[in-house]
PDB file of N, CA and C in Angstrom:
ATOM      1  N   MET A   1     -14.337  -1.129  20.951  1.00  0.00           N
ATOM      2  CA  MET A   1     -13.034  -1.041  20.580  1.00  0.00           C
ATOM      3  C   MET A   1     -12.783  -0.143  19.627  1.00  0.00           C
ATOM      4  N   THR A   2     -11.941   0.644  19.992  1.00  0.00           N
ATOM      5  CA  THR A   2     -11.092   1.493  18.638  1.00  0.00           C
ATOM      6  C   THR A   2      -9.867   0.420  17.973  1.00  0.00           C
ATOM      7  N   PHE A   3      -9.720   1.897  17.070  1.00  0.00           N
ATOM      8  CA  PHE A   3      -8.495   0.903  15.862  1.00  0.00           C
ATOM      9  C   PHE A   3      -7.473   0.738  17.408  1.00  0.00           C
ATOM     10  N   LEU A   4      -7.025   1.794  17.842  1.00  0.00           N
ATOM     11  CA  LEU A   4      -5.640   2.163  18.807  1.00  0.00           C
ATOM     12  C   LEU A   4      -5.724   1.086  20.031  1.00  0.00           C
ATOM     13  N   GLN A   5      -6.809   0.574  20.321  1.00  0.00           N
ATOM     14  CA  GLN A   5      -7.028  -0.563  21.242  1.00  0.00           C
ATOM     15  C   GLN A   5      -6.863  -1.660  20.725  1.00  0.00           C
ATOM     16  N   ALA A   6      -7.331  -1.908  19.682  1.00  0.00           N
ATOM     17  CA  ALA A   6      -7.108  -3.549  19.013  1.00  0.00           C
ATOM     18  C   ALA A   6      -5.927  -3.540  18.429  1.00  0.00           C
ATOM     19  N   SER A   7      -5.106  -2.751  18.495  1.00  0.00           N
ATOM     20  CA  SER A   7      -3.576  -2.854  17.405  1.00  0.00           C
ATOM     21  C   SER A   7      -2.737  -3.538  18.629  1.00  0.00           C
ATOM     22  N   HIS A   8      -3.262  -4.038  19.827  1.00  0.00           N
ATOM     23  CA  HIS A   8      -2.269  -5.501  20.218  1.00  0.00           C
ATOM     24  C   HIS A   8      -2.545  -6.392  20.109  1.00  0.00           C
ATOM     25  N   HIS A   9      -3.092  -6.849  19.083  1.00  0.00           N
ATOM     26  CA  HIS A   9      -3.519  -8.207  18.254  1.00  0.00           C
ATOM     27  C   HIS A   9      -2.294  -8.398  17.376  1.00  0.00           C
ATOM     28  N   THR A  10      -1.393  -9.348  17.406  1.00  0.00           N
ATOM     29  CA  THR A  10      -0.576  -9.410  16.350  1.00  0.00           C
ATOM     30  C   THR A  10      -1.017 -10.644  15.429  1.00  0.00           C
ATOM     31  N   ALA A  11      -1.548 -11.594  15.883  1.00  0.00           N
ATOM     32  CA  ALA A  11      -1.919 -12.766  15.007  1.00  0.00           C
ATOM     33  C   ALA A  11      -2.968 -12.541  14.369  1.00  0.00           C
ATOM     34  N   GLY A  12      -3.078 -13.348  13.592  1.00  0.00           N
ATOM     35  CA  GLY A  12      -4.390 -13.401  12.910  1.00  0.00           C
ATOM     36  C   GLY A  12      -4.535 -13.405  11.132  1.00  0.00           C
ATOM     37  N   PRO A  13      -5.596 -13.542  10.803  1.00  0.00           N
ATOM     38  CA  PRO A  13      -5.568 -13.648   9.845  1.00  0.00           C
ATOM     39  C   PRO A  13      -4.984 -12.083   8.955  1.00  0.00           C
ATOM     40  N   GLN A  14      -4.243 -12.234   7.835  1.00  0.00           N
ATOM     41  CA  GLN A  14      -3.846 -10.714   6.942  1.00  0.00           C
ATOM     42  C   GLN A  14      -4.691 -10.557   6.046  1.00  0.00           C
ATOM     43  N   VAL A  15      -4.818  -9.412   5.766  1.00  0.00           N
ATOM     44  CA  VAL A  15      -5.947  -9.075   4.332  1.00  0.00           C
ATOM     45  C   VAL A  15      -5.199  -7.553   4.238  1.00  0.00           C
ATOM     46  N   ARG A  16      -5.258  -7.325   3.429  1.00  0.00           N
ATOM     47  CA  ARG A  16      -4.471  -6.121   2.128  1.00  0.00           C
ATOM     48  C   ARG A  16      -5.570  -5.003   2.676  1.00  0.00           C
ATOM     49  N   ASP A  17      -5.229  -4.171   2.922  1.00  0.00           N
ATOM     50  CA  ASP A  17      -6.033  -2.337   3.635  1.00  0.00           C
ATOM     51  C   ASP A  17      -6.615  -2.494   2.969  1.00  0.00           C
ATOM     52  N   ASP A  18      -6.745  -2.406   1.187  1.00  0.00           N
ATOM     53  CA  ASP A  18      -7.710  -1.634   0.617  1.00  0.00           C
ATOM     54  C   ASP A  18      -8.616  -2.812  -0.022  1.00  0.00           C
ATOM     55  N   MET A  19      -9.264  -3.841   1.025  1.00  0.00           N
ATOM     56  CA  MET A  19     -10.177  -4.935   0.586  1.00  0.00           C
ATOM     57  C   MET A  19     -11.125  -4.084   1.301  1.00  0.00           C
ATOM     58  N   THR A  20     -12.593  -4.880   0.329  1.00  0.00           N
ATOM     59  CA  THR A  20     -13.836  -4.185   0.979  1.00  0.00           C
ATOM     60  C   THR A  20     -14.160  -4.639   2.159  1.00  0.00           C
ATOM     61  N   VAL A  21     -14.880  -3.889   2.719  1.00  0.00           N
ATOM     62  CA  VAL A  21     -15.433  -4.294   4.474  1.00  0.00           C
ATOM     63  C   VAL A  21     -16.345  -6.124   3.482  1.00  0.00           C
ATOM     64  N   GLU A  22     -17.049  -6.141   2.889  1.00  0.00           N
ATOM     65  CA  GLU A  22     -18.172  -7.256   2.679  1.00  0.00           C
ATOM     66  C   GLU A  22     -16.952  -8.376   2.775  1.00  0.00           C
ATOM     67  N   VAL A  23     -15.931  -8.346   1.776  1.00  0.00           N
ATOM     68  CA  VAL A  23     -14.826  -9.387   1.332  1.00  0.00           C
ATOM     69  C   VAL A  23     -14.579  -9.803   2.934  1.00  0.00           C
ATOM     70  N   ALA A  24     -13.645  -8.650   3.569  1.00  0.00           N
ATOM     71  CA  ALA A  24     -13.183  -8.586   5.057  1.00  0.00           C
ATOM     72  C   ALA A  24     -14.330  -9.501   5.813  1.00  0.00           C
ATOM     73  N   LEU A  25     -15.490  -9.460   5.821  1.00  0.00           N
ATOM     74  CA  LEU A  25     -16.414  -9.940   6.492  1.00  0.00           C
ATOM     75  C   LEU A  25     -16.604 -11.340   6.286  1.00  0.00           C
ATOM     76  N   SER A  26     -16.432 -11.497   4.870  1.00  0.00           N
ATOM     77  CA  SER A  26     -16.579 -12.963   4.862  1.00  0.00           C
ATOM     78  C   SER A  26     -15.073 -13.952   5.225  1.00  0.00           C
ATOM     79  N   VAL A  27     -13.809 -13.159   5.086  1.00  0.00           N
ATOM     80  CA  VAL A  27     -12.716 -13.752   5.439  1.00  0.00           C
ATOM     81  C   VAL A  27     -12.809 -14.062   6.743  1.00  0.00           C
ATOM     82  N   MET A  28     -13.251 -13.064   7.870  1.00  0.00           N
ATOM     83  CA  MET A  28     -13.594 -13.077   9.085  1.00  0.00           C
ATOM     84  C   MET A  28     -14.393 -14.251   9.301  1.00  0.00           C
ATOM     85  N   ALA A  29     -15.178 -14.345   8.738  1.00  0.00           N
ATOM     86  CA  ALA A  29     -16.595 -15.852   9.065  1.00  0.00           C
ATOM     87  C   ALA A  29     -15.555 -17.159   8.999  1.00  0.00           C
ATOM     88  N   GLY A  30     -14.556 -17.027   7.795  1.00  0.00           N
ATOM     89  CA  GLY A  30     -14.383 -17.993   7.320  1.00  0.00           C
ATOM     90  C   GLY A  30     -13.089 -18.727   8.132  1.00  0.00           C
ATOM     91  N   ALA A  31     -12.615 -17.494   9.056  1.00  0.00           N
ATOM     92  CA  ALA A  31     -11.153 -17.806   9.835  1.00  0.00           C
ATOM     93  C   ALA A  31     -11.573 -17.749  11.294  1.00  0.00           C
ATOM     94  N   ARG A  32     -13.324 -17.774  11.929  1.00  0.00           N
ATOM     95  CA  ARG A  32     -13.630 -17.518  12.585  1.00  0.00           C
ATOM     96  C   ARG A  32     -12.688 -17.071  13.747  1.00  0.00           C
ATOM     97  N   SER A  33     -12.635 -15.562  13.521  1.00  0.00           N
ATOM     98  CA  SER A  33     -11.510 -14.479  13.813  1.00  0.00           C
ATOM     99  C   SER A  33     -12.807 -13.157  14.038  1.00  0.00           C
ATOM    100  N   GLY A  34     -12.322 -12.877  15.104  1.00  0.00           N
ATOM    101  CA  GLY A  34     -13.026 -11.174  15.577  1.00  0.00           C
ATOM    102  C   GLY A  34     -11.844 -10.283  15.270  1.00  0.00           C
ATOM    103  N   HIS A  35     -11.048 -10.207  14.487  1.00  0.00           N
ATOM    104  CA  HIS A  35     -10.166  -9.221  13.902  1.00  0.00           C
ATOM    105  C   HIS A  35      -9.376  -9.810  12.569  1.00  0.00           C
ATOM    106  N   LEU A  36      -8.883  -8.767  12.183  1.00  0.00           N
ATOM    107  CA  LEU A  36      -8.236  -9.346  10.958  1.00  0.00           C
ATOM    108  C   LEU A  36      -6.767  -8.016  10.988  1.00  0.00           C
ATOM    109  N   VAL A  37      -5.565  -8.772  11.049  1.00  0.00           N
ATOM    110  CA  VAL A  37      -4.426  -8.086  10.489  1.00  0.00           C
ATOM    111  C   VAL A  37      -4.383  -7.056   9.128  1.00  0.00           C
ATOM    112  N   LEU A  38      -4.056  -5.654   9.092  1.00  0.00           N
ATOM    113  CA  LEU A  38      -4.122  -5.180   8.104  1.00  0.00           C
ATOM    114  C   LEU A  38      -2.577  -5.098   7.305  1.00  0.00           C
ATOM    115  N   CYS A  39      -2.426  -5.300   6.145  1.00  0.00           N
ATOM    116  CA  CYS A  39      -1.270  -4.966   5.611  1.00  0.00           C
ATOM    117  C   CYS A  39      -1.223  -4.151   4.262  1.00  0.00           C
ATOM    118  N   ASP A  40       0.171  -3.409   3.910  1.00  0.00           N
ATOM    119  CA  ASP A  40      -0.125  -2.489   2.813  1.00  0.00           C
ATOM    120  C   ASP A  40       0.135  -3.147   1.606  1.00  0.00           C
ATOM    121  N   ASP A  41       0.233  -3.179   0.357  1.00  0.00           N
ATOM    122  CA  ASP A  41       0.997  -3.608  -0.754  1.00  0.00           C
ATOM    123  C   ASP A  41       2.062  -3.821  -1.036  1.00  0.00           C
ATOM    124  N   ASP A  42       2.789  -3.730   0.062  1.00  0.00           N
ATOM    125  CA  ASP A  42       4.268  -4.285   0.578  1.00  0.00           C
ATOM    126  C   ASP A  42       4.830  -5.302   1.605  1.00  0.00           C
ATOM    127  N   ASP A  43       3.265  -5.842   2.197  1.00  0.00           N
ATOM    128  CA  ASP A  43       2.609  -6.404   2.871  1.00  0.00           C
ATOM    129  C   ASP A  43       3.441  -6.314   4.112  1.00  0.00           C
ATOM    130  N   ALA A  44       3.589  -4.705   4.381  1.00  0.00           N
ATOM    131  CA  ALA A  44       3.933  -4.498   5.978  1.00  0.00           C
ATOM    132  C   ALA A  44       2.896  -4.454   6.603  1.00  0.00           C
ATOM    133  N   ARG A  45       2.472  -4.657   7.937  1.00  0.00           N
ATOM    134  CA  ARG A  45       1.288  -4.235   8.887  1.00  0.00           C
ATOM    135  C   ARG A  45       1.104  -3.024   8.907  1.00  0.00           C
ATOM    136  N   THR A  46      -0.411  -2.543   8.639  1.00  0.00           N
ATOM    137  CA  THR A  46      -0.686  -1.397   9.197  1.00  0.00           C
ATOM    138  C   THR A  46      -1.607  -1.138   9.787  1.00  0.00           C
ATOM    139  N   GLY A  47      -2.151  -2.161  10.214  1.00  0.00           N
ATOM    140  CA  GLY A  47      -3.018  -1.972  11.956  1.00  0.00           C
ATOM    141  C   GLY A  47      -3.969  -3.535  11.971  1.00  0.00           C
ATOM    142  N   VAL A  48      -5.044  -3.161  12.716  1.00  0.00           N
ATOM    143  CA  VAL A  48      -5.635  -3.971  13.142  1.00  0.00           C
ATOM    144  C   VAL A  48      -7.100  -3.778  13.031  1.00  0.00           C
ATOM    145  N   ILE A  49      -8.119  -4.749  12.501  1.00  0.00           N
ATOM    146  CA  ILE A  49      -9.373  -3.902  12.426  1.00  0.00           C
ATOM    147  C   ILE A  49     -10.722  -4.966  13.089  1.00  0.00           C
ATOM    148  N   THR A  50     -11.518  -4.438  13.662  1.00  0.00           N
ATOM    149  CA  THR A  50     -12.318  -6.286  14.378  1.00  0.00           C
ATOM    150  C   THR A  50     -13.545  -6.157  13.939  1.00  0.00           C
ATOM    151  N   LEU A  51     -13.856  -7.174  14.270  1.00  0.00           N
ATOM    152  CA  LEU A  51     -15.506  -7.196  13.928  1.00  0.00           C
ATOM    153  C   LEU A  51     -16.460  -6.378  14.265  1.00  0.00           C
ATOM    154  N   ALA A  52     -16.365  -5.805  15.353  1.00  0.00           N
ATOM    155  CA  ALA A  52     -17.043  -4.449  15.898  1.00  0.00           C
ATOM    156  C   ALA A  52     -16.870  -3.277  14.898  1.00  0.00           C
ATOM    157  N   GLN A  53     -15.669  -3.150  14.560  1.00  0.00           N
ATOM    158  CA  GLN A  53     -15.895  -1.849  13.741  1.00  0.00           C
ATOM    159  C   GLN A  53     -16.186  -2.060  12.197  1.00  0.00           C
ATOM    160  N   LEU A  54     -16.097  -3.190  11.790  1.00  0.00           N
ATOM    161  CA  LEU A  54     -16.973  -3.631  10.522  1.00  0.00           C
ATOM    162  C   LEU A  54     -18.280  -3.512  10.531  1.00  0.00           C
ATOM    163  N   THR A  55     -18.820  -4.008  11.783  1.00  0.00           N
ATOM    164  CA  THR A  55     -20.236  -3.747  12.095  1.00  0.00           C
ATOM    165  C   THR A  55     -20.522  -2.373  11.946  1.00  0.00           C
ATOM    166  N   ALA A  56     -20.155  -1.525  12.599  1.00  0.00           N
ATOM    167  CA  ALA A  56     -20.625  -0.429  12.940  1.00  0.00           C
ATOM    168  C   ALA A  56     -20.256   0.197  11.488  1.00  0.00           C
ATOM    169  N   ALA A  57     -19.525   0.409  10.664  1.00  0.00           N
ATOM    170  CA  ALA A  57     -19.314   0.808   9.422  1.00  0.00           C
ATOM    171  C   ALA A  57     -20.536   0.174   8.830  1.00  0.00           C
ATOM    172  N   ARG A  58     -20.616  -0.825   8.901  1.00  0.00           N
ATOM    173  CA  ARG A  58     -22.096  -1.416   8.053  1.00  0.00           C
ATOM    174  C   ARG A  58     -23.245  -0.422   8.233  1.00  0.00           C
ATOM    175  N   ALA A  59     -23.664  -0.405   9.882  1.00  0.00           N
ATOM    176  CA  ALA A  59     -24.671   0.082  10.260  1.00  0.00           C
ATOM    177  C   ALA A  59     -24.962   1.653  10.004  1.00  0.00           C
ATOM    178  N   THR A  60     -23.781   2.682   9.152  1.00  0.00           N
ATOM    179  CA  THR A  60     -24.159   4.029   8.893  1.00  0.00           C
ATOM    180  C   THR A  60     -24.930   4.166   7.658  1.00  0.00           C
ATOM    181  N   PRO A  61     -25.692   5.161   7.594  1.00  0.00           N
ATOM    182  CA  PRO A  61     -26.263   5.190   6.653  1.00  0.00           C
ATOM    183  C   PRO A  61     -25.845   5.453   5.168  1.00  0.00           C
ATOM    184  N   THR A  62     -24.230   6.002   5.284  1.00  0.00           N
ATOM    185  CA  THR A  62     -23.477   6.409   3.758  1.00  0.00           C
ATOM    186  C   THR A  62     -23.176   4.558   3.394  1.00  0.00           C
ATOM    187  N   TYR A  63     -23.175   3.970   3.771  1.00  0.00           N
ATOM    188  CA  TYR A  63     -22.524   2.691   3.978  1.00  0.00           C
ATOM    189  C   TYR A  63     -22.635   2.027   2.424  1.00  0.00           C
ATOM    190  N   THR A  64     -21.874   1.317   1.631  1.00  0.00           N
ATOM    191  CA  THR A  64     -22.063   0.659   0.717  1.00  0.00           C
ATOM    192  C   THR A  64     -20.935  -0.507   0.203  1.00  0.00           C
ATOM    193  N   ASP A  65     -21.031  -1.656  -0.710  1.00  0.00           N
ATOM    194  CA  ASP A  65     -20.369  -2.729  -0.734  1.00  0.00           C
ATOM    195  C   ASP A  65     -19.196  -2.221  -1.454  1.00  0.00           C
ATOM    196  N   HIS A  66     -18.711  -0.898  -1.296  1.00  0.00           N
ATOM    197  CA  HIS A  66     -17.642  -0.560  -2.069  1.00  0.00           C
ATOM    198  C   HIS A  66     -16.752  -0.001  -1.061  1.00  0.00           C
ATOM    199  N   VAL A  67     -17.001   0.267   0.156  1.00  0.00           N
ATOM    200  CA  VAL A  67     -16.453   0.851   1.208  1.00  0.00           C
ATOM    201  C   VAL A  67     -15.089  -0.064   1.514  1.00  0.00           C
ATOM    202  N   ARG A  68     -13.978   0.578   1.913  1.00  0.00           N
ATOM    203  CA  ARG A  68     -12.791  -0.434   1.888  1.00  0.00           C
ATOM    204  C   ARG A  68     -12.246  -0.009   3.151  1.00  0.00           C
ATOM    205  N   LEU A  69     -11.255  -1.068   3.628  1.00  0.00           N
ATOM    206  CA  LEU A  69     -10.912  -1.447   5.012  1.00  0.00           C
ATOM    207  C   LEU A  69     -10.040  -0.190   5.384  1.00  0.00           C
ATOM    208  N   LEU A  70      -9.552   0.751   4.407  1.00  0.00           N
ATOM    209  CA  LEU A  70      -8.934   1.794   4.535  1.00  0.00           C
ATOM    210  C   LEU A  70      -9.843   2.944   5.109  1.00  0.00           C
ATOM    211  N   ASP A  71     -11.159   2.823   4.528  1.00  0.00           N
ATOM    212  CA  ASP A  71     -12.033   3.856   4.662  1.00  0.00           C
ATOM    213  C   ASP A  71     -12.205   3.728   5.864  1.00  0.00           C
ATOM    214  N   VAL A  72     -12.288   2.898   6.647  1.00  0.00           N
ATOM    215  CA  VAL A  72     -13.122   2.307   8.203  1.00  0.00           C
ATOM    216  C   VAL A  72     -12.066   2.845   8.979  1.00  0.00           C
ATOM    217  N   VAL A  73     -10.783   2.687   8.797  1.00  0.00           N
ATOM    218  CA  VAL A  73      -9.819   2.488  10.063  1.00  0.00           C
ATOM    219  C   VAL A  73      -9.437   4.270   9.711  1.00  0.00           C
ATOM    220  N   GLY A  74      -9.267   4.646   8.380  1.00  0.00           N
ATOM    221  CA  GLY A  74      -8.329   5.835   8.164  1.00  0.00           C
ATOM    222  C   GLY A  74      -6.888   5.731   7.681  1.00  0.00           C
ATOM    223  N   VAL A  75      -6.286   4.689   7.299  1.00  0.00           N
ATOM    224  CA  VAL A  75      -5.042   4.361   6.975  1.00  0.00           C
ATOM    225  C   VAL A  75      -4.912   4.859   5.796  1.00  0.00           C
ATOM    226  N   GLY A  76      -3.502   5.668   5.769  1.00  0.00           N
ATOM    227  CA  GLY A  76      -2.906   5.980   4.492  1.00  0.00           C
ATOM    228  C   GLY A  76      -3.184   7.365   4.702  1.00  0.00           C
TER     229      GLY A  76
END
């Protein structure tokens, strides 16, 4: 599922789009959700990210625990 395909999700846990992937995975697990709604500094919705996207990002050879959601979805 791509970022655009997932964008039909409007409800769900909201997180800052500059959050790290590791923290986002923790929030997602705690909320028992397969996606997160991304918001910017002004709490404006910037998109949605899915568990599949986060899992794929972690599987890349360049992944570190400093990678942010913005880096995964290319927001900004």
